[in-house]
Amino acid sequence: MPKKKENNQFFLYDHKYEDSGEFLDSVADLLRRNNIRINMLLVATYEDLEKELTEYLPPKFDVSVKNLNGVLTVNIAKEFEDDRKVRVRARILRYRETPFYLIVSDAKASDFKVVVSKLMNKHFPTISRVFITSEQMRYIFQQLEETTKLGIQVDSSIVKRRLPRKLKSKESRIIYTNSLYEEIFDEAESMDGWVQSVKFTAFETKEISEGITVDLPRFYGVVSRDCFISCRKNFLPFLDVVIPYSVKFALQRLTYLSSKSQTANDLLPDPVVIKFKGDYFSDVSKNKMFVEAMKSLDSSSISAYHSNPYIHLSLLDYLDGSSYDIWVLSTNRIVIVPQIKASSASMERLVKHVFERVQEGETEEYEQIANIQ
């Protein structure tokens, strides 16, 4: 008889399923019957992902792709400077009728991140990394709690804080706690930061005798801002809640940014507008901090035309040549105007940088602010 691990590997990577739905059902069954952890990553592309992975091979990577009824099996090897090679097997499937793809693997989380996540980064801007905000992560945990009728206890979290006078750096700390998830998000907000990831246990409280209760673990997981997701014991809450809401939130932003990207070469491009909750720019000293924050975006250059009393910047993204004019003409909004070329992947990268280094906000249409006094 084959070993259990080999059997799991077969159903994860080699079995030919009728469709992606049958594959996900199989993953749920594997987690229910075995003590294995599944790691996942959501990425987005409007192009043929299989073609992109097979036609462009980044340096230091070796990739093979096999298509089994629309569910891809990929074997990835990454070579490091010390001649060490890390190999990861994964399955990739399109998530419903969206431009999002779910990458699934039982590889160690550390291997997954240095191989799979890095490979996706190398395919920028064709493949776009996406993110969800702290507020959206909090909402996902609320829905997870309501849907499963279980408590959510945070085992550890990574919380990052903005450093106002040192915007080229940020403070990051791992918090080990047995707190409920609300406390982690409240703390991040109070310290002017954001939640990067949450490792948690979902538990059921049972009364074992009169007045005595015990918390029984039911499943375990990780939800991250960059849409890295991990689960053990029960896949269904992730399939029913975590993944759909992550896709929903990321798709809303991607659709919005894609519509702006398509106007970049127009005479009057349609700008991206970010609205903050408070009057962030009511303090003129924030202008300089904002300019420094924009300068800290990796692989980009900034030209500052004005910084007082209003802000006007020009930004060039070296990764794909996207360019923007950035204006701040009110106390609570940023207007980003695409110039000639601006990919949706680059826009996503820029918006993520603003949310992390300045403040999280909401995107809105330019028409919504046109008549504001």
Protein backbone atom coordinates (compact mmCIF):
# COMPACT_ATOMS: atom_id res chain seq x y z
CA MET A 1 0.00 0.00 0.00
CA PRO A 2 1.25 3.53 -0.73
CA LYS A 3 2.21 5.67 2.20
CA LYS A 4 -0.38 8.20 3.36
CA LYS A 5 1.81 11.16 2.34
CA GLU A 6 2.30 9.74 -1.14
CA ASN A 7 -1.45 9.19 -1.40
CA ASN A 8 -2.10 12.80 -0.39
CA GLN A 9 0.42 13.99 -2.98
CA PHE A 10 -1.32 12.02 -5.70
CA PHE A 11 -4.74 13.55 -5.00
CA LEU A 12 -3.26 17.01 -4.59
CA TYR A 13 -1.09 17.11 -7.71
CA ASP A 14 -1.57 14.16 -10.05
CA HIS A 15 -5.21 13.14 -10.07
CA LYS A 16 -7.25 14.41 -13.02
CA TYR A 17 -10.45 16.02 -11.78
CA GLU A 18 -13.55 16.84 -13.78
CA ASP A 19 -13.23 20.52 -12.89
CA SER A 20 -11.82 22.90 -10.28
CA GLY A 21 -14.85 22.41 -8.03
CA GLU A 22 -14.14 18.68 -7.72
CA PHE A 23 -10.50 19.46 -6.93
CA LEU A 24 -11.49 21.85 -4.10
CA ASP A 25 -13.89 19.23 -2.71
CA SER A 26 -10.99 16.77 -2.69
CA VAL A 27 -8.79 19.26 -0.80
CA ALA A 28 -11.54 19.65 1.79
CA ASP A 29 -11.71 15.88 2.19
CA LEU A 30 -7.92 15.59 2.53
CA LEU A 31 -7.85 18.17 5.32
CA ARG A 32 -10.75 16.52 7.10
CA ARG A 33 -9.03 13.12 7.10
CA ASN A 34 -5.37 14.13 7.51
CA ASN A 35 -3.33 16.41 9.71
CA ILE A 36 -1.90 18.44 6.83
CA ARG A 37 -1.67 22.18 6.23
CA ILE A 38 -2.59 23.73 2.91
CA ASN A 39 -1.04 27.04 1.85
CA MET A 40 -2.67 29.24 -0.78
CA LEU A 41 -2.08 32.50 -2.63
CA LEU A 42 -4.48 34.62 -4.64
CA VAL A 43 -3.11 36.42 -7.70
CA ALA A 44 -4.79 38.18 -10.62
CA THR A 45 -4.26 38.34 -14.36
CA TYR A 46 -6.37 39.19 -17.40
CA GLU A 47 -4.03 37.15 -19.59
CA ASP A 48 -3.60 33.39 -20.17
CA LEU A 49 -1.81 32.36 -16.97
CA GLU A 50 -0.66 28.99 -18.32
CA LYS A 51 0.88 30.69 -21.38
CA GLU A 52 2.58 33.31 -19.21
CA LEU A 53 4.17 30.68 -16.95
CA THR A 54 5.42 28.57 -19.84
CA GLU A 55 6.65 31.31 -22.19
CA TYR A 56 8.58 33.45 -19.69
CA LEU A 57 11.06 31.81 -17.34
CA PRO A 58 12.67 34.19 -14.83
CA PRO A 59 16.37 33.69 -14.00
CA LYS A 60 17.08 31.15 -11.23
CA PHE A 61 13.69 29.48 -11.74
CA ASP A 62 12.75 26.19 -13.40
CA VAL A 63 9.02 25.72 -14.05
CA SER A 64 7.01 22.93 -15.66
CA VAL A 65 3.25 23.13 -16.19
CA LYS A 66 0.70 20.40 -16.86
CA ASN A 67 -2.94 21.21 -17.57
CA LEU A 68 -5.42 18.65 -16.26
CA ASN A 69 -8.94 19.79 -17.19
CA GLY A 70 -8.19 23.43 -16.44
CA VAL A 71 -6.47 22.71 -13.13
CA LEU A 72 -2.74 23.30 -13.57
CA THR A 73 -0.09 21.21 -11.86
CA VAL A 74 3.14 23.21 -11.60
CA ASN A 75 6.57 22.04 -10.48
CA ILE A 76 8.77 24.98 -9.49
CA ALA A 77 12.43 24.97 -8.51
CA LYS A 78 14.31 28.08 -7.39
CA GLU A 79 18.10 28.22 -7.24
CA PHE A 80 19.73 30.33 -4.53
CA GLU A 81 23.15 31.97 -4.36
CA ASP A 82 24.56 29.13 -2.24
CA ASP A 83 23.62 26.63 -5.01
CA ARG A 84 20.76 25.40 -2.87
CA LYS A 85 17.55 24.52 -4.72
CA VAL A 86 14.07 24.66 -3.21
CA ARG A 87 11.32 22.75 -5.05
CA VAL A 88 7.59 23.25 -4.66
CA ARG A 89 4.65 21.49 -6.27
CA ALA A 90 1.36 23.35 -6.54
CA ARG A 91 -2.02 23.35 -8.20
CA ILE A 92 -3.38 26.52 -9.85
CA LEU A 93 -7.03 27.06 -10.71
CA ARG A 94 -9.09 29.99 -11.87
CA TYR A 95 -11.51 31.21 -9.22
CA ARG A 96 -14.94 31.12 -10.82
CA GLU A 97 -15.41 33.57 -13.71
CA THR A 98 -12.94 36.14 -12.37
CA PRO A 99 -9.39 37.20 -13.27
CA PHE A 100 -8.24 35.64 -9.98
CA TYR A 101 -6.29 32.42 -9.62
CA LEU A 102 -5.82 30.32 -6.50
CA ILE A 103 -2.46 28.63 -5.99
CA VAL A 104 -2.68 25.60 -3.65
CA SER A 105 0.19 23.61 -2.13
CA ASP A 106 1.10 21.51 0.89
CA ALA A 107 4.68 22.83 0.80
CA LYS A 108 6.07 24.45 3.93
CA ALA A 109 4.96 28.06 4.26
CA SER A 110 8.57 29.27 4.13
CA ASP A 111 9.24 27.33 0.90
CA PHE A 112 5.93 28.47 -0.57
CA LYS A 113 6.78 32.13 0.00
CA VAL A 114 10.34 32.07 -1.32
CA VAL A 115 9.41 30.01 -4.38
CA VAL A 116 5.76 30.52 -5.37
CA SER A 117 5.29 34.10 -4.14
CA LYS A 118 8.63 35.19 -5.61
CA LEU A 119 7.82 33.57 -8.94
CA MET A 120 4.54 35.48 -9.13
CA ASN A 121 6.41 38.72 -8.38
CA LYS A 122 8.74 38.04 -11.32
CA HIS A 123 5.74 37.97 -13.68
CA PHE A 124 4.75 41.56 -12.87
CA PRO A 125 2.83 43.29 -14.41
CA THR A 126 1.13 40.42 -16.31
CA ILE A 127 0.41 38.71 -13.01
CA SER A 128 -0.64 41.11 -10.28
CA ARG A 129 -0.22 40.61 -6.53
CA VAL A 130 -3.31 41.83 -4.71
CA PHE A 131 -4.11 42.85 -1.15
CA ILE A 132 -6.91 43.47 1.30
CA THR A 133 -7.02 46.20 3.93
CA SER A 134 -7.06 45.82 7.71
CA GLU A 135 -10.72 46.82 7.77
CA GLN A 136 -11.51 44.16 5.17
CA MET A 137 -9.54 41.54 7.10
CA ARG A 138 -11.53 42.41 10.23
CA TYR A 139 -14.77 41.97 8.28
CA ILE A 140 -13.63 38.55 7.03
CA PHE A 141 -13.03 37.42 10.62
CA GLN A 142 -16.46 38.74 11.63
CA GLN A 143 -18.07 36.70 8.86
CA LEU A 144 -15.97 33.67 9.76
CA GLU A 145 -17.14 33.88 13.37
CA GLU A 146 -20.80 34.38 12.42
CA THR A 147 -20.83 31.63 9.79
CA THR A 148 -19.08 28.93 11.79
CA LYS A 149 -20.59 29.89 15.19
CA LEU A 150 -17.08 29.46 16.61
CA GLY A 151 -14.80 31.77 18.53
CA ILE A 152 -11.66 33.14 16.83
CA GLN A 153 -8.57 33.26 19.01
CA VAL A 154 -5.39 34.92 17.71
CA ASP A 155 -2.29 32.78 18.29
CA SER A 156 0.09 35.34 16.78
CA SER A 157 -0.12 38.32 14.47
CA ILE A 158 2.19 40.63 12.57
CA VAL A 159 1.30 44.28 13.07
CA LYS A 160 3.17 47.09 11.34
CA ARG A 161 3.27 50.71 12.46
CA ARG A 162 3.96 53.81 10.40
CA LEU A 163 6.91 55.84 11.61
CA PRO A 164 5.97 59.48 10.87
CA ARG A 165 9.49 60.88 10.79
CA LYS A 166 11.11 57.85 9.20
CA LEU A 167 8.83 56.94 6.35
CA LYS A 168 11.50 54.93 4.55
CA SER A 169 11.15 52.40 7.33
CA LYS A 170 8.33 50.91 9.33
CA GLU A 171 8.12 49.15 12.65
CA SER A 172 7.08 45.52 12.46
CA ARG A 173 6.40 43.27 15.40
CA ILE A 174 5.08 39.79 15.98
CA ILE A 175 2.53 39.62 18.78
CA TYR A 176 1.99 36.27 20.51
CA THR A 177 -1.30 36.33 22.29
CA ASN A 178 -4.45 34.44 23.15
CA SER A 179 -6.57 37.50 22.44
CA LEU A 180 -9.75 37.64 20.41
CA TYR A 181 -9.25 39.02 16.91
CA GLU A 182 -11.03 42.36 17.59
CA GLU A 183 -8.28 43.37 20.03
CA ILE A 184 -5.54 42.95 17.42
CA PHE A 185 -7.29 45.17 14.88
CA ASP A 186 -8.19 47.76 17.53
CA GLU A 187 -4.56 47.89 18.66
CA ALA A 188 -3.26 48.30 15.11
CA GLU A 189 -5.64 51.19 14.51
CA SER A 190 -4.74 52.91 17.79
CA MET A 191 -1.01 52.80 16.99
CA ASP A 192 -1.47 54.14 13.43
CA GLY A 193 -0.61 50.81 11.85
CA TRP A 194 -2.05 47.94 9.93
CA VAL A 195 -2.41 44.18 10.38
CA GLN A 196 -0.14 42.20 8.06
CA SER A 197 -1.24 38.70 9.05
CA VAL A 198 -3.17 36.77 11.68
CA LYS A 199 -2.52 33.18 12.74
CA PHE A 200 -5.57 31.89 14.57
CA THR A 201 -7.48 29.01 16.10
CA ALA A 202 -11.23 28.62 15.70
CA PHE A 203 -12.67 27.06 18.83
CA GLU A 204 -15.94 25.77 20.21
CA THR A 205 -16.77 26.47 23.86
CA LYS A 206 -18.38 23.48 25.57
CA GLU A 207 -19.65 23.07 29.09
CA ILE A 208 -18.11 19.91 30.56
CA SER A 209 -19.86 20.28 33.92
CA GLU A 210 -21.97 22.88 35.64
CA GLY A 211 -20.15 26.21 35.52
CA ILE A 212 -17.05 24.73 33.87
CA THR A 213 -16.33 25.24 30.17
CA VAL A 214 -13.52 24.24 27.87
CA ASP A 215 -12.46 25.65 24.48
CA LEU A 216 -12.07 22.90 21.88
CA PRO A 217 -10.01 23.70 18.74
CA ARG A 218 -11.90 22.98 15.51
CA PHE A 219 -9.58 24.33 12.83
CA TYR A 220 -6.52 26.53 12.35
CA GLY A 221 -5.57 29.16 9.82
CA VAL A 222 -3.61 32.16 8.64
CA VAL A 223 -5.06 35.16 6.80
CA SER A 224 -2.64 37.73 5.40
CA ARG A 225 -2.95 41.16 3.89
CA ASP A 226 -1.21 40.01 0.70
CA CYS A 227 -3.81 37.24 0.23
CA PHE A 228 -1.60 34.41 1.48
CA ILE A 229 -3.97 31.98 3.21
CA SER A 230 -3.21 28.84 5.19
CA CYS A 231 -5.50 26.29 6.79
CA ARG A 232 -5.49 23.02 8.70
CA LYS A 233 -8.25 20.58 9.75
CA ASN A 234 -11.20 22.23 7.98
CA PHE A 235 -11.09 23.73 4.50
CA LEU A 236 -14.78 24.61 4.17
CA PRO A 237 -14.74 27.88 6.19
CA PHE A 238 -11.95 29.10 3.92
CA LEU A 239 -13.77 27.95 0.80
CA ASP A 240 -17.06 29.51 1.94
CA VAL A 241 -15.84 32.70 3.65
CA VAL A 242 -12.15 33.63 3.54
CA ILE A 243 -11.46 33.08 -0.17
CA PRO A 244 -14.76 34.51 -1.54
CA TYR A 245 -14.53 37.70 0.54
CA SER A 246 -10.83 38.15 -0.24
CA VAL A 247 -11.65 37.85 -3.95
CA LYS A 248 -14.64 40.17 -3.59
CA PHE A 249 -12.64 42.97 -1.98
CA ALA A 250 -9.59 42.61 -4.23
CA LEU A 251 -11.76 42.35 -7.36
CA GLN A 252 -13.59 45.58 -6.54
CA ARG A 253 -10.30 47.46 -6.43
CA LEU A 254 -8.82 45.67 -9.45
CA THR A 255 -11.89 46.44 -11.58
CA TYR A 256 -11.75 50.09 -10.52
CA LEU A 257 -8.02 50.38 -11.25
CA SER A 258 -8.28 48.53 -14.56
CA SER A 259 -10.88 51.01 -15.78
CA LYS A 260 -8.49 53.87 -14.95
CA SER A 261 -5.55 52.08 -16.56
CA GLN A 262 -7.39 51.86 -19.87
CA THR A 263 -7.68 55.66 -20.03
CA ALA A 264 -3.96 56.36 -19.44
CA ASN A 265 -3.34 57.29 -23.08
CA ASP A 266 -6.48 59.45 -23.39
CA LEU A 267 -6.33 63.22 -23.65
CA LEU A 268 -8.11 63.41 -20.30
CA PRO A 269 -7.26 60.24 -18.33
CA ASP A 270 -9.67 59.08 -15.63
CA PRO A 271 -7.86 59.55 -12.28
CA VAL A 272 -7.66 57.30 -9.25
CA VAL A 273 -9.03 59.07 -6.16
CA ILE A 274 -8.15 57.95 -2.63
CA LYS A 275 -10.26 59.37 0.18
CA PHE A 276 -9.03 59.23 3.79
CA LYS A 277 -11.31 59.03 6.81
CA GLY A 278 -10.03 62.22 8.42
CA ASP A 279 -8.50 65.48 7.26
CA TYR A 280 -5.00 64.05 6.94
CA PHE A 281 -3.56 67.07 5.13
CA SER A 282 -5.08 69.73 7.43
CA ASP A 283 -1.63 69.87 9.06
CA VAL A 284 0.72 71.33 6.42
CA SER A 285 3.66 69.43 7.97
CA LYS A 286 2.05 66.26 6.58
CA ASN A 287 2.88 67.47 3.06
CA LYS A 288 6.60 66.81 3.48
CA MET A 289 5.88 63.48 5.15
CA PHE A 290 3.68 62.48 2.22
CA VAL A 291 6.37 63.36 -0.32
CA GLU A 292 8.94 61.33 1.64
CA ALA A 293 6.50 58.43 1.80
CA MET A 294 6.11 58.45 -1.97
CA LYS A 295 9.87 58.56 -2.43
CA SER A 296 10.16 55.32 -0.45
CA LEU A 297 8.27 53.25 -3.05
CA ASP A 298 10.74 50.62 -4.29
CA SER A 299 11.88 50.74 -7.93
CA SER A 300 10.42 54.17 -8.62
CA SER A 301 11.45 57.82 -8.89
CA ILE A 302 9.65 60.97 -7.77
CA SER A 303 9.84 64.54 -9.04
CA ALA A 304 8.28 67.11 -6.73
CA TYR A 305 6.90 70.18 -8.50
CA HIS A 306 5.03 71.61 -5.51
CA SER A 307 4.77 70.60 -1.86
CA ASN A 308 3.35 73.71 -0.21
CA PRO A 309 0.55 74.78 0.03
CA TYR A 310 -0.58 71.99 -2.33
CA ILE A 311 1.23 68.86 -3.54
CA HIS A 312 2.03 67.97 -7.14
CA LEU A 313 4.33 65.02 -7.82
CA SER A 314 5.36 63.00 -10.84
CA LEU A 315 6.05 59.29 -10.23
CA LEU A 316 7.70 56.78 -12.57
CA ASP A 317 7.42 53.05 -11.81
CA TYR A 318 10.64 51.46 -13.05
CA LEU A 319 9.16 47.94 -12.93
CA ASP A 320 7.05 48.46 -16.05
CA GLY A 321 7.34 52.12 -17.06
CA SER A 322 3.97 53.22 -15.64
CA SER A 323 3.83 56.92 -14.78
CA TYR A 324 1.53 59.21 -12.82
CA ASP A 325 0.89 62.76 -11.75
CA ILE A 326 -0.12 62.87 -8.09
CA TRP A 327 -2.10 65.82 -6.74
CA VAL A 328 -3.22 66.75 -3.23
CA LEU A 329 -5.61 69.70 -3.40
CA SER A 330 -7.80 69.00 -0.37
CA THR A 331 -7.32 67.86 3.21
CA ASN A 332 -8.59 64.30 2.78
CA ARG A 333 -8.00 63.17 -0.82
CA ILE A 334 -5.23 62.16 -3.20
CA VAL A 335 -5.78 62.31 -6.95
CA ILE A 336 -3.55 60.03 -9.07
CA VAL A 337 -3.65 60.76 -12.80
CA PRO A 338 -2.24 58.02 -15.11
CA GLN A 339 0.13 59.34 -17.79
CA ILE A 340 0.46 57.65 -21.22
CA LYS A 341 1.06 54.20 -19.69
CA ALA A 342 -0.20 52.86 -16.37
CA SER A 343 -0.85 49.17 -15.75
CA SER A 344 -3.45 48.02 -13.25
CA ALA A 345 -0.69 46.00 -11.50
CA SER A 346 1.38 49.14 -11.05
CA MET A 347 -1.65 51.04 -9.78
CA GLU A 348 -2.32 48.26 -7.28
CA ARG A 349 1.28 48.54 -6.09
CA LEU A 350 1.01 52.31 -5.73
CA VAL A 351 -2.32 52.23 -3.87
CA LYS A 352 -1.00 49.54 -1.52
CA HIS A 353 2.03 51.73 -0.79
CA VAL A 354 -0.18 54.75 0.00
CA PHE A 355 -2.39 52.66 2.29
CA GLU A 356 0.61 51.31 4.19
CA ARG A 357 2.91 54.35 4.39
CA VAL A 358 0.34 57.15 4.64
CA GLN A 359 -3.10 55.91 5.69
CA GLU A 360 -5.68 53.40 4.56
CA GLY A 361 -8.51 54.96 2.60
CA GLU A 362 -11.20 54.22 0.03
CA THR A 363 -11.13 54.66 -3.72
CA GLU A 364 -13.85 56.72 -5.34
CA GLU A 365 -14.76 58.21 -8.70
CA TYR A 366 -13.44 61.63 -9.62
CA GLU A 367 -16.98 62.82 -10.37
CA GLN A 368 -17.80 62.39 -6.68
CA ILE A 369 -15.44 65.23 -5.76
CA ALA A 370 -15.93 67.48 -8.80
CA ASN A 371 -18.61 69.60 -7.12
CA ILE A 372 -17.03 69.75 -3.67
CA GLN A 373 -16.43 73.36 -2.65
